[in-house]
Structures are given as structure tokens and as C-alpha cells.
């Protein structure tokens, strides 16, 4: 019985060993999983630290740029204030800037107004010249067409033709021929 007991105990011990082995495997597996999780966290932590350091470097660069820009803005504001002080010092009785500009531009504006007036006068003269030119053309055109007929009428009359014959030959109205003949009598001394 003792052997049975020993045998039974040994068998029992083997079952315990199996449980122990399963427990060891389970613990080893958990330890492996924990190791993987720890390594994953370490890698991610390192990556996060790298990203944070890159962001810090970018922020430092931006801060330097902001500092440079603020210095440039201060310099520009200083120059503007200096220029404004110079303008105010040069102006009499601290006149406002718009009055200074108006005062300095006034001669130019007066000259522009004077030039506008002169241009308007020139336009009016051009219009008068154009009207006179048109009238001259009408007079010249009328004289060019009237003179040869008058000369022909007078020539034919001098040859002894009557006004009706002259009108037929020149294809003019009898009244027109008679009018030319009457004017020619008044013009001859």
C-alpha cells in the first residue's frame, strides 16, 4: 500500500508538476507579453521624445524669428516716429500733416488748374478754327462752281447771245443768267 501510496503520490506529484509546468509556462508567457509591452512603450516613448525635441527646436526657431521681427517692427516704428517728429518740427505751429501736404501741393495744383484752363481755351480756339475752316470751304466751293458759269455767261453775252439762248446752251435757268448779267452791269464802270 505504501507503494501504492508512493505510486499514487508519485502520480499525484506528476499532476502537480504538470500544473507547475503550466503555471511556469503561463508566467513565462505573461512575462514575455510584459516584456513586449515594455519594449513597445520604450520605443514609443523614445519616438515621442524625439518628436517633442523636434517641436522644441521648431518653437525655438519660431521664437528667434518672432524676436527678429519684433526688433524690425520696433526699428520701423522708431523711424516713422522720427520722421513724424521731423515733419512736425519743420512745420510751422505744428500744423497737421494733411495741411502740410496741402500747403506743399498747392502750387502744383494751381499750375494744374491753370493748365486745364489753357487747354479749355485751346479747345475753344480749335473749335472756332474748325468752324471758320468749314465756312471757308463752303465759300471756296461756291466760288469755284459759280465763277466759270459767270465767265461763260458773260462771254456768250459779249458774243451777242440773248439770255434765253445762253440758258439753253449752259443748261442753266433763264433767271440765273439774267441775274448774272444784271450784276455784271452794276460791277462795270
C-alpha atoms as a PDB file:
ATOM      1  CA  UNK A   1       0.000   0.000   0.000  1.00  0.00           C
ATOM      2  CA  UNK A   2       2.784   2.202   0.686  1.00  0.00           C
ATOM      3  CA  UNK A   3       3.935   1.630  -2.778  1.00  0.00           C
ATOM      4  CA  UNK A   4       0.539   2.363  -3.944  1.00  0.00           C
ATOM      5  CA  UNK A   5       0.658   5.360  -1.883  1.00  0.00           C
ATOM      6  CA  UNK A   6       4.090   6.201  -3.119  1.00  0.00           C
ATOM      7  CA  UNK A   7       2.947   5.383  -6.612  1.00  0.00           C
ATOM      8  CA  UNK A   8      -0.225   7.287  -6.062  1.00  0.00           C
ATOM      9  CA  UNK A   9       1.797  10.090  -4.546  1.00  0.00           C
ATOM     10  CA  UNK A  10       4.189   9.989  -7.460  1.00  0.00           C
ATOM     11  CA  UNK A  11       1.303  10.107  -9.818  1.00  0.00           C
ATOM     12  CA  UNK A  12      -0.100  12.911  -7.821  1.00  0.00           C
ATOM     13  CA  UNK A  13       3.230  14.616  -7.844  1.00  0.00           C
ATOM     14  CA  UNK A  14       3.298  14.340 -11.637  1.00  0.00           C
ATOM     15  CA  UNK A  15      -0.049  16.089 -11.801  1.00  0.00           C
ATOM     16  CA  UNK A  16       1.338  18.778  -9.581  1.00  0.00           C
ATOM     17  CA  UNK A  17       4.358  19.026 -11.829  1.00  0.00           C
ATOM     18  CA  UNK A  18       2.113  19.415 -14.781  1.00  0.00           C
ATOM     19  CA  UNK A  19       0.261  22.189 -13.027  1.00  0.00           C
ATOM     20  CA  UNK A  20       3.538  23.744 -12.026  1.00  0.00           C
ATOM     21  CA  UNK A  21       4.787  23.461 -15.589  1.00  0.00           C
ATOM     22  CA  UNK A  22       1.586  25.024 -16.901  1.00  0.00           C
ATOM     23  CA  UNK A  23       1.912  27.778 -14.333  1.00  0.00           C
ATOM     24  CA  UNK A  24       5.550  28.366 -15.279  1.00  0.00           C
ATOM     25  CA  UNK A  25       4.608  28.476 -18.983  1.00  0.00           C
ATOM     26  CA  UNK A  26       1.784  30.853 -18.171  1.00  0.00           C
ATOM     27  CA  UNK A  27       4.078  33.063 -16.097  1.00  0.00           C
ATOM     28  CA  UNK A  28       6.754  32.929 -18.812  1.00  0.00           C
ATOM     29  CA  UNK A  29       4.155  33.869 -21.429  1.00  0.00           C
ATOM     30  CA  UNK A  30       2.927  36.736 -19.282  1.00  0.00           C
ATOM     31  CA  UNK A  31       6.499  37.826 -18.698  1.00  0.00           C
ATOM     32  CA  UNK A  32       7.093  37.721 -22.486  1.00  0.00           C
ATOM     33  CA  UNK A  33       3.962  39.759 -23.129  1.00  0.00           C
ATOM     34  CA  UNK A  34       5.011  42.211 -20.414  1.00  0.00           C
ATOM     35  CA  UNK A  35       8.491  42.395 -21.976  1.00  0.00           C
ATOM     36  CA  UNK A  36       6.988  43.101 -25.421  1.00  0.00           C
ATOM     37  CA  UNK A  37       4.657  45.739 -23.959  1.00  0.00           C
ATOM     38  CA  UNK A  38       7.568  47.321 -22.065  1.00  0.00           C
ATOM     39  CA  UNK A  39       9.715  47.363 -25.232  1.00  0.00           C
ATOM     40  CA  UNK A  40       6.811  48.831 -27.233  1.00  0.00           C
ATOM     41  CA  UNK A  41       6.296  51.533 -24.629  1.00  0.00           C
ATOM     42  CA  UNK A  42      10.031  52.257 -24.572  1.00  0.00           C
ATOM     43  CA  UNK A  43      10.157  52.583 -28.380  1.00  0.00           C
ATOM     44  CA  UNK A  44       7.072  54.812 -28.430  1.00  0.00           C
ATOM     45  CA  UNK A  45       8.459  56.871 -25.560  1.00  0.00           C
ATOM     46  CA  UNK A  46      11.713  57.349 -27.460  1.00  0.00           C
ATOM     47  CA  UNK A  47       9.804  58.325 -30.622  1.00  0.00           C
ATOM     48  CA  UNK A  48       7.629  60.726 -28.639  1.00  0.00           C
ATOM     49  CA  UNK A  49      10.721  62.237 -27.007  1.00  0.00           C
ATOM     50  CA  UNK A  50      12.280  62.701 -30.491  1.00  0.00           C
ATOM     51  CA  UNK A  51       9.113  64.416 -31.785  1.00  0.00           C
ATOM     52  CA  UNK A  52       8.965  66.641 -28.715  1.00  0.00           C
ATOM     53  CA  UNK A  53      12.608  67.663 -29.181  1.00  0.00           C
ATOM     54  CA  UNK A  54      11.876  68.457 -32.865  1.00  0.00           C
ATOM     55  CA  UNK A  55       8.887  70.559 -31.804  1.00  0.00           C
ATOM     56  CA  UNK A  56      11.008  72.334 -29.204  1.00  0.00           C
ATOM     57  CA  UNK A  57      13.622  73.107 -31.876  1.00  0.00           C
ATOM     58  CA  UNK A  58      10.883  74.432 -34.178  1.00  0.00           C
ATOM     59  CA  UNK A  59       9.417  76.527 -31.381  1.00  0.00           C
ATOM     60  CA  UNK A  60      12.884  77.915 -30.591  1.00  0.00           C
ATOM     61  CA  UNK A  61      13.378  78.822 -34.271  1.00  0.00           C
ATOM     62  CA  UNK A  62       9.949  80.498 -34.346  1.00  0.00           C
ATOM     63  CA  UNK A  63      10.745  82.390 -31.157  1.00  0.00           C
ATOM     64  CA  UNK A  64      14.008  83.630 -32.694  1.00  0.00           C
ATOM     65  CA  UNK A  65      12.122  84.695 -35.845  1.00  0.00           C
ATOM     66  CA  UNK A  66       9.446  86.460 -33.764  1.00  0.00           C
ATOM     67  CA  UNK A  67      12.203  88.229 -31.848  1.00  0.00           C
ATOM     68  CA  UNK A  68      13.860  89.392 -35.099  1.00  0.00           C
ATOM     69  CA  UNK A  69      10.523  90.577 -36.487  1.00  0.00           C
ATOM     70  CA  UNK A  70       9.679  92.431 -33.298  1.00  0.00           C
ATOM     71  CA  UNK A  71      13.068  94.174 -33.445  1.00  0.00           C
ATOM     72  CA  UNK A  72      12.442  95.121 -37.102  1.00  0.00           C
ATOM     73  CA  UNK A  73       8.966  96.421 -36.219  1.00  0.00           C
ATOM     74  CA  UNK A  74      10.442  98.481 -33.387  1.00  0.00           C
ATOM     75  CA  UNK A  75      13.046  99.909 -35.760  1.00  0.00           C
ATOM     76  CA  UNK A  76      10.386 100.783 -38.341  1.00  0.00           C
ATOM     77  CA  UNK A  77       8.182 102.385 -35.697  1.00  0.00           C
ATOM     78  CA  UNK A  78      11.190 104.326 -34.440  1.00  0.00           C
ATOM     79  CA  UNK A  79      11.997 105.603 -37.955  1.00  0.00           C
ATOM     80  CA  UNK A  80       8.346 106.535 -38.515  1.00  0.00           C
ATOM     81  CA  UNK A  81       8.192 108.391 -35.216  1.00  0.00           C
ATOM     82  CA  UNK A  82      11.469 110.149 -36.028  1.00  0.00           C
ATOM     83  CA  UNK A  83      10.168 111.125 -39.477  1.00  0.00           C
ATOM     84  CA  UNK A  84       6.926 112.379 -37.944  1.00  0.00           C
ATOM     85  CA  UNK A  85       8.879 114.443 -35.415  1.00  0.00           C
ATOM     86  CA  UNK A  86      10.983 115.905 -38.239  1.00  0.00           C
ATOM     87  CA  UNK A  87       7.859 116.822 -40.180  1.00  0.00           C
ATOM     88  CA  UNK A  88       6.281 118.381 -37.127  1.00  0.00           C
ATOM     89  CA  UNK A  89       9.475 120.276 -36.295  1.00  0.00           C
ATOM     90  CA  UNK A  90       9.719 121.576 -39.845  1.00  0.00           C
ATOM     91  CA  UNK A  91       6.087 122.636 -39.951  1.00  0.00           C
ATOM     92  CA  UNK A  92       5.069 125.956 -38.508  1.00  0.00           C
ATOM     93  CA  UNK A  93       2.859 125.950 -35.439  1.00  0.00           C
ATOM     94  CA  UNK A  94       2.672 122.149 -35.545  1.00  0.00           C
ATOM     95  CA  UNK A  95       0.199 122.070 -38.434  1.00  0.00           C
ATOM     96  CA  UNK A  96      -1.443 118.738 -39.109  1.00  0.00           C
ATOM     97  CA  UNK A  97       0.091 116.513 -41.742  1.00  0.00           C
ATOM     98  CA  UNK A  98      -2.757 116.952 -44.218  1.00  0.00           C
ATOM     99  CA  UNK A  99      -2.342 120.731 -44.054  1.00  0.00           C
ATOM    100  CA  UNK A 100       1.391 120.384 -44.665  1.00  0.00           C
ATOM    101  CA  UNK A 101       0.729 118.200 -47.688  1.00  0.00           C
ATOM    102  CA  UNK A 102      -1.921 120.615 -48.982  1.00  0.00           C
ATOM    103  CA  UNK A 103       0.399 123.581 -48.476  1.00  0.00           C
ATOM    104  CA  UNK A 104       3.226 121.892 -50.346  1.00  0.00           C
ATOM    105  CA  UNK A 105       0.981 120.643 -53.144  1.00  0.00           C
ATOM    106  CA  UNK A 106      -0.938 123.920 -53.582  1.00  0.00           C
ATOM    107  CA  UNK A 107       1.487 125.415 -56.171  1.00  0.00           C
ATOM    108  CA  UNK A 108       1.286 122.248 -58.229  1.00  0.00           C
ATOM    109  CA  UNK A 109      -2.493 122.152 -58.002  1.00  0.00           C
ATOM    110  CA  UNK A 110      -2.701 125.813 -59.073  1.00  0.00           C
ATOM    111  CA  UNK A 111      -0.434 125.072 -62.023  1.00  0.00           C
ATOM    112  CA  UNK A 112      -2.617 122.087 -62.979  1.00  0.00           C
ATOM    113  CA  UNK A 113      -5.744 124.270 -62.773  1.00  0.00           C
ATOM    114  CA  UNK A 114      -4.048 126.916 -64.916  1.00  0.00           C
ATOM    115  CA  UNK A 115      -3.076 124.274 -67.473  1.00  0.00           C
ATOM    116  CA  UNK A 116      -6.654 122.970 -67.530  1.00  0.00           C
ATOM    117  CA  UNK A 117      -7.931 126.488 -68.234  1.00  0.00           C
ATOM    118  CA  UNK A 118      -5.384 126.921 -71.019  1.00  0.00           C
ATOM    119  CA  UNK A 119      -6.378 123.563 -72.508  1.00  0.00           C
ATOM    120  CA  UNK A 120     -10.039 124.602 -72.454  1.00  0.00           C
ATOM    121  CA  UNK A 121      -9.160 127.867 -74.199  1.00  0.00           C
ATOM    122  CA  UNK A 122      -7.157 125.923 -76.780  1.00  0.00           C
ATOM    123  CA  UNK A 123     -10.141 123.601 -77.368  1.00  0.00           C
ATOM    124  CA  UNK A 124     -12.443 126.585 -77.889  1.00  0.00           C
ATOM    125  CA  UNK A 125      -9.961 128.137 -80.340  1.00  0.00           C
ATOM    126  CA  UNK A 126      -9.717 124.841 -82.224  1.00  0.00           C
ATOM    127  CA  UNK A 127     -13.499 124.691 -82.480  1.00  0.00           C
ATOM    128  CA  UNK A 128     -13.602 128.266 -83.823  1.00  0.00           C
ATOM    129  CA  UNK A 129     -10.874 127.463 -86.337  1.00  0.00           C
ATOM    130  CA  UNK A 130     -12.763 124.360 -87.459  1.00  0.00           C
ATOM    131  CA  UNK A 131     -15.961 126.398 -87.933  1.00  0.00           C
ATOM    132  CA  UNK A 132     -14.084 129.080 -89.894  1.00  0.00           C
ATOM    133  CA  UNK A 133     -12.379 126.424 -91.986  1.00  0.00           C
ATOM    134  CA  UNK A 134     -15.743 124.870 -92.802  1.00  0.00           C
ATOM    135  CA  UNK A 135     -17.173 128.264 -93.809  1.00  0.00           C
ATOM    136  CA  UNK A 136     -14.105 128.991 -95.954  1.00  0.00           C
ATOM    137  CA  UNK A 137     -14.517 125.665 -97.730  1.00  0.00           C
ATOM    138  CA  UNK A 138     -18.157 126.436 -98.431  1.00  0.00           C
ATOM    139  CA  UNK A 139     -17.280 129.854 -99.846  1.00  0.00           C
ATOM    140  CA  UNK A 140     -14.432 128.486-101.942  1.00  0.00           C
ATOM    141  CA  UNK A 141     -16.591 125.624-103.162  1.00  0.00           C
ATOM    142  CA  UNK A 142     -19.364 128.044-104.115  1.00  0.00           C
ATOM    143  CA  UNK A 143     -16.921 130.397-105.882  1.00  0.00           C
ATOM    144  CA  UNK A 144     -15.231 127.565-107.744  1.00  0.00           C
ATOM    145  CA  UNK A 145     -18.537 126.424-109.123  1.00  0.00           C
ATOM    146  CA  UNK A 146     -20.024 129.885-109.723  1.00  0.00           C
ATOM    147  CA  UNK A 147     -17.122 131.630-111.376  1.00  0.00           C
ATOM    148  CA  UNK A 148     -16.838 129.538-114.544  1.00  0.00           C
ATOM    149  CA  UNK A 149     -20.588 129.849-115.225  1.00  0.00           C
ATOM    150  CA  UNK A 150     -20.470 133.624-114.762  1.00  0.00           C
ATOM    151  CA  UNK A 151     -17.492 133.908-117.100  1.00  0.00           C
ATOM    152  CA  UNK A 152     -19.162 131.755-119.746  1.00  0.00           C
ATOM    153  CA  UNK A 153     -22.397 133.732-119.426  1.00  0.00           C
ATOM    154  CA  UNK A 154     -20.519 136.998-119.864  1.00  0.00           C
ATOM    155  CA  UNK A 155     -18.511 135.631-122.820  1.00  0.00           C
ATOM    156  CA  UNK A 156     -21.623 134.355-124.604  1.00  0.00           C
ATOM    157  CA  UNK A 157     -23.449 137.661-123.935  1.00  0.00           C
ATOM    158  CA  UNK A 158     -20.454 139.549-125.321  1.00  0.00           C
ATOM    159  CA  UNK A 159     -20.766 137.424-128.486  1.00  0.00           C
ATOM    160  CA  UNK A 160     -24.325 138.746-128.864  1.00  0.00           C
ATOM    161  CA  UNK A 161     -26.406 135.880-127.479  1.00  0.00           C
ATOM    162  CA  UNK A 162     -29.580 136.634-125.540  1.00  0.00           C
ATOM    163  CA  UNK A 163     -30.269 135.297-122.013  1.00  0.00           C
ATOM    164  CA  UNK A 164     -32.627 132.551-123.216  1.00  0.00           C
ATOM    165  CA  UNK A 165     -30.059 131.118-125.656  1.00  0.00           C
ATOM    166  CA  UNK A 166     -27.296 131.280-123.028  1.00  0.00           C
ATOM    167  CA  UNK A 167     -29.504 129.450-120.507  1.00  0.00           C
ATOM    168  CA  UNK A 168     -30.235 126.641-123.014  1.00  0.00           C
ATOM    169  CA  UNK A 169     -26.618 126.247-124.051  1.00  0.00           C
ATOM    170  CA  UNK A 170     -25.234 126.204-120.459  1.00  0.00           C
ATOM    171  CA  UNK A 171     -28.247 124.333-119.106  1.00  0.00           C
ATOM    172  CA  UNK A 172     -28.986 126.977-116.535  1.00  0.00           C
ATOM    173  CA  UNK A 173     -32.163 128.734-115.561  1.00  0.00           C
ATOM    174  CA  UNK A 174     -33.094 131.876-117.562  1.00  0.00           C
ATOM    175  CA  UNK A 175     -33.478 133.810-114.257  1.00  0.00           C
ATOM    176  CA  UNK A 176     -29.976 132.835-113.158  1.00  0.00           C
ATOM    177  CA  UNK A 177     -28.487 134.046-116.476  1.00  0.00           C
ATOM    178  CA  UNK A 178     -30.390 137.343-116.233  1.00  0.00           C
ATOM    179  CA  UNK A 179     -29.233 137.826-112.619  1.00  0.00           C
ATOM    180  CA  UNK A 180     -25.585 137.340-113.606  1.00  0.00           C
ATOM    181  CA  UNK A 181     -25.979 139.798-116.469  1.00  0.00           C
ATOM    182  CA  UNK A 182     -27.573 142.416-114.161  1.00  0.00           C
ATOM    183  CA  UNK A 183     -24.785 142.059-111.577  1.00  0.00           C
ATOM    184  CA  UNK A 184     -22.158 142.376-114.260  1.00  0.00           C
ATOM    185  CA  UNK A 185     -23.726 145.668-115.413  1.00  0.00           C
ATOM    186  CA  UNK A 186     -23.521 147.022-111.835  1.00  0.00           C
ATOM    187  CA  UNK A 187     -19.914 145.939-111.486  1.00  0.00           C
ATOM    188  CA  UNK A 188     -18.703 147.516-114.719  1.00  0.00           C
ATOM    189  CA  UNK A 189     -17.935 151.246-114.516  1.00  0.00           C
END
